[in-house]
Protein backbone atom coordinates (compact mmCIF):
# COMPACT_ATOMS: atom_id res chain seq x y z
CA MET A 1 0.00 0.00 0.00
CA SER A 2 2.87 2.33 0.68
CA GLY A 3 4.82 1.32 -2.45
CA ARG A 4 7.55 0.02 -0.14
CA SER A 5 7.73 -3.68 0.54
CA PRO A 6 8.49 -4.57 4.14
CA ALA A 7 10.89 -7.47 4.64
CA ALA A 8 8.02 -9.18 6.45
CA LEU A 9 4.40 -8.63 7.33
CA VAL A 10 2.80 -10.08 10.45
CA LEU A 11 -0.95 -10.01 9.98
CA GLY A 12 -3.07 -10.84 13.03
CA LEU A 13 -6.58 -12.05 12.29
CA GLY A 14 -9.61 -12.76 14.43
CA ASN A 15 -12.54 -11.32 16.30
CA ILE A 16 -11.31 -9.95 19.63
CA VAL A 17 -14.76 -10.17 21.24
CA MET A 18 -14.94 -13.93 20.67
CA SER A 19 -12.24 -15.09 23.11
CA ASP A 20 -9.70 -17.38 21.37
CA ASP A 21 -10.88 -16.30 17.92
CA GLY A 22 -9.09 -12.98 18.56
CA LEU A 23 -5.71 -14.73 18.88
CA GLY A 24 -4.08 -13.06 15.87
CA VAL A 25 -4.87 -9.56 17.10
CA HIS A 26 -3.62 -10.43 20.60
CA VAL A 27 -0.36 -11.72 19.09
CA VAL A 28 0.24 -8.54 17.06
CA ARG A 29 -0.33 -6.46 20.19
CA ARG A 30 2.11 -8.63 22.18
CA LEU A 31 4.72 -8.35 19.41
CA ARG A 32 4.39 -4.57 19.60
CA GLU A 33 4.73 -4.65 23.41
CA ARG A 34 7.79 -6.91 23.27
CA GLY A 35 9.33 -4.84 20.50
CA LEU A 36 11.35 -5.87 17.48
CA ARG A 37 15.07 -5.30 16.97
CA GLY A 38 16.49 -4.71 13.54
CA GLY A 39 14.86 -5.58 10.29
CA ASP A 40 11.80 -4.25 8.59
CA VAL A 41 8.56 -5.76 9.84
CA GLU A 42 5.06 -4.34 9.46
CA LEU A 43 2.48 -5.40 12.05
CA ILE A 44 -1.20 -5.18 11.15
CA GLU A 45 -4.18 -5.93 13.36
CA GLY A 46 -6.36 -7.26 10.57
CA GLY A 47 -9.26 -8.41 12.73
CA THR A 48 -12.01 -9.79 10.50
CA ALA A 49 -11.35 -7.49 7.52
CA GLY A 50 -10.92 -10.35 5.04
CA LEU A 51 -10.40 -9.17 1.47
CA LEU A 52 -9.64 -5.60 2.57
CA LEU A 53 -6.23 -6.97 3.59
CA LEU A 54 -5.30 -8.17 0.10
CA PRO A 55 -3.23 -5.06 -0.81
CA HIS A 56 -1.06 -5.65 2.27
CA LEU A 57 -0.30 -9.22 1.24
CA ALA A 58 0.49 -7.94 -2.25
CA ASP A 59 3.02 -5.45 -0.83
CA ALA A 60 4.77 -7.98 1.41
CA ARG A 61 7.76 -10.05 0.33
CA ARG A 62 7.16 -12.47 3.19
CA ALA A 63 4.10 -12.77 5.40
CA ILE A 64 3.09 -14.49 8.60
CA ILE A 65 -0.64 -14.73 9.19
CA VAL A 66 -1.60 -15.43 12.79
CA ASP A 67 -5.02 -16.84 13.59
CA ALA A 68 -6.89 -19.35 15.71
CA ILE A 69 -6.77 -22.57 13.69
CA ASP A 70 -9.26 -25.30 14.54
CA CYS A 71 -7.72 -28.61 13.51
CA GLY A 72 -9.24 -30.75 16.26
CA ALA A 73 -6.07 -30.80 18.38
CA PRO A 74 -5.96 -30.12 22.14
CA ALA A 75 -6.55 -26.46 23.02
CA GLY A 76 -3.37 -24.39 22.85
CA THR A 77 -1.62 -26.68 20.34
CA HIS A 78 0.65 -24.71 17.99
CA VAL A 79 -0.24 -25.08 14.31
CA ARG A 80 2.13 -24.00 11.52
CA LEU A 81 0.98 -24.17 7.90
CA ALA A 82 3.22 -23.37 4.95
CA GLY A 83 2.77 -23.62 1.22
CA ASP A 84 -0.61 -24.98 0.22
CA ASP A 85 -1.30 -26.65 3.59
CA TRP A 86 -3.87 -23.90 4.27
CA VAL A 87 -6.16 -25.31 1.57
CA THR A 88 -6.87 -28.50 3.52
CA ALA A 89 -6.75 -26.79 6.91
CA PHE A 90 -9.70 -24.53 6.08
CA ALA A 91 -11.62 -27.03 3.96
CA GLY A 92 -13.68 -28.62 6.74
CA HIS A 93 -13.57 -26.28 9.72
CA LEU A 94 -15.24 -22.92 10.01
CA THR A 95 -14.85 -20.31 12.69
CA PRO A 96 -16.64 -16.97 12.38
CA HIS A 97 -14.05 -15.65 9.91
CA ASP A 98 -12.54 -18.72 8.20
CA VAL A 99 -14.40 -17.93 5.01
CA GLY A 100 -12.58 -14.57 5.06
CA VAL A 101 -9.19 -16.28 5.55
CA ARG A 102 -9.86 -18.77 2.78
CA ASP A 103 -11.12 -16.00 0.48
CA LEU A 104 -8.15 -13.75 1.29
CA LEU A 105 -5.61 -16.48 0.55
CA GLY A 106 -7.46 -17.63 -2.57
CA ALA A 107 -7.76 -14.09 -3.90
CA ALA A 108 -4.06 -13.45 -3.19
CA ARG A 109 -3.12 -16.52 -5.20
CA LEU A 110 -5.45 -15.60 -8.12
CA ALA A 111 -4.40 -11.95 -8.18
CA GLY A 112 -0.69 -12.69 -8.17
CA ALA A 113 -0.49 -11.01 -4.76
CA TRP A 114 1.09 -14.03 -3.08
CA PRO A 115 4.22 -13.12 -1.08
CA ASP A 116 7.46 -14.95 -1.87
CA GLU A 117 6.90 -16.83 1.36
CA LEU A 118 3.70 -17.18 3.40
CA VAL A 119 3.31 -19.03 6.68
CA LEU A 120 0.26 -19.32 8.94
CA HIS A 121 0.89 -19.65 12.66
CA GLY A 122 -1.86 -20.24 15.15
CA LEU A 123 -3.12 -22.09 18.16
CA GLN A 124 -5.98 -24.54 18.49
CA PRO A 125 -8.78 -22.55 20.16
CA MET A 126 -10.67 -23.81 23.19
CA SER A 127 -13.50 -21.28 23.06
CA VAL A 128 -14.95 -18.83 20.57
CA ALA A 129 -17.70 -17.73 22.94
CA MET A 130 -18.28 -14.03 23.60
CA GLY A 131 -15.45 -12.60 25.68
CA THR A 132 -12.31 -10.54 25.26
CA GLU A 133 -9.88 -12.79 27.15
CA LEU A 134 -8.06 -15.80 25.75
CA SER A 135 -8.85 -19.16 27.35
CA GLY A 136 -6.33 -20.61 29.81
CA PRO A 137 -4.68 -23.12 27.44
CA VAL A 138 -4.37 -20.57 24.62
CA ALA A 139 -3.04 -17.85 26.93
CA ALA A 140 -0.51 -20.34 28.34
CA ALA A 141 0.75 -21.16 24.83
CA LEU A 142 1.07 -17.52 23.73
CA ASP A 143 4.76 -17.10 24.61
CA SER A 144 5.77 -20.22 22.68
CA LEU A 145 3.79 -18.95 19.68
CA LEU A 146 5.60 -15.60 19.89
CA ASP A 147 8.91 -17.48 20.01
CA ALA A 148 7.96 -19.47 16.88
CA ILE A 149 7.10 -16.24 15.05
CA ASP A 150 10.40 -14.73 16.24
CA THR A 151 12.24 -17.76 14.85
CA GLU A 152 10.45 -17.38 11.50
CA LEU A 153 11.33 -13.67 11.29
CA TYR A 154 14.94 -14.37 12.27
CA ARG A 155 15.19 -17.11 9.63
CA TRP A 156 13.98 -14.60 7.06
CA GLY A 157 16.51 -12.03 8.28
CA ALA A 158 13.64 -9.67 9.07
CA ALA A 159 13.93 -9.04 12.83
CA GLY A 160 14.07 -10.53 16.27
CA LEU A 161 12.09 -9.93 19.43
CA THR A 162 13.49 -8.07 22.37
CA THR A 163 12.02 -6.57 25.50
CA ASP A 164 14.22 -3.45 25.40
CA ALA A 165 13.68 -2.17 21.87
CA PRO A 166 13.79 1.64 21.73
CA ALA A 167 10.79 2.01 19.43
CA PRO A 168 7.98 -0.29 18.34
CA PRO A 169 7.65 -1.32 14.68
CA THR A 170 5.04 0.22 12.43
CA LEU A 171 1.62 -0.75 13.71
CA ARG A 172 -1.40 -0.13 11.59
CA MET A 173 -4.79 -1.03 12.86
CA ILE A 174 -7.37 -2.07 10.32
CA ASP A 175 -9.65 0.75 11.55
CA ASP A 176 -7.04 3.25 10.37
CA LEU A 177 -6.89 1.53 7.00
CA ILE A 178 -10.63 1.50 6.30
CA ARG A 179 -11.46 4.97 7.63
CA LYS A 180 -9.59 6.66 4.81
CA PRO A 181 -11.98 7.81 2.09
CA ALA A 182 -11.94 5.59 -0.95
CA THR A 183 -10.90 7.09 -4.26
CA TYR A 184 -12.07 5.71 -7.55
CA PRO A 185 -10.93 6.58 -11.05
CA GLY A 186 -12.60 9.81 -12.05
CA SER A 187 -13.64 10.68 -8.47
CA GLU A 188 -10.64 12.89 -7.74
CA SER A 189 -11.64 16.51 -7.38
């Protein structure tokens, strides 16, 4: 969107008022709190914006999507999907926004907006009931998920986590992205 491709994009998905479903947004917030050292990483709280996030995937050279992933494993189990593994992962299970994830990834592939490397990281949810807190098993697994994302970013040469970073990375909330007035060809004044 900015014309500049970040070394990596971390895109947190989920509905933060549906407990574990908000995992991706919680992870992006924790990454911002922990800070990143070095590299060029863009963090986006994508929420449930679905296809509105396509331009951000198109701009990224590498992307990590973080979401609650229901694969029938015990709650809090770390799930990592790379390549086309996402196709089968979202084929039979639906959470309130899985159609958006599947549509986003499918549209990215069709539009040629697929990053050079794309990895999904998530945790098996225990609850997607109304609530703003993560369930116990998911909250307990959060630090290991952050470490796995850190390892991925480090492997890509993008960044590493630290607790004493002087400034947080760029954080763009989806609300900021969709509040800007849309411009269409011929609508410029």
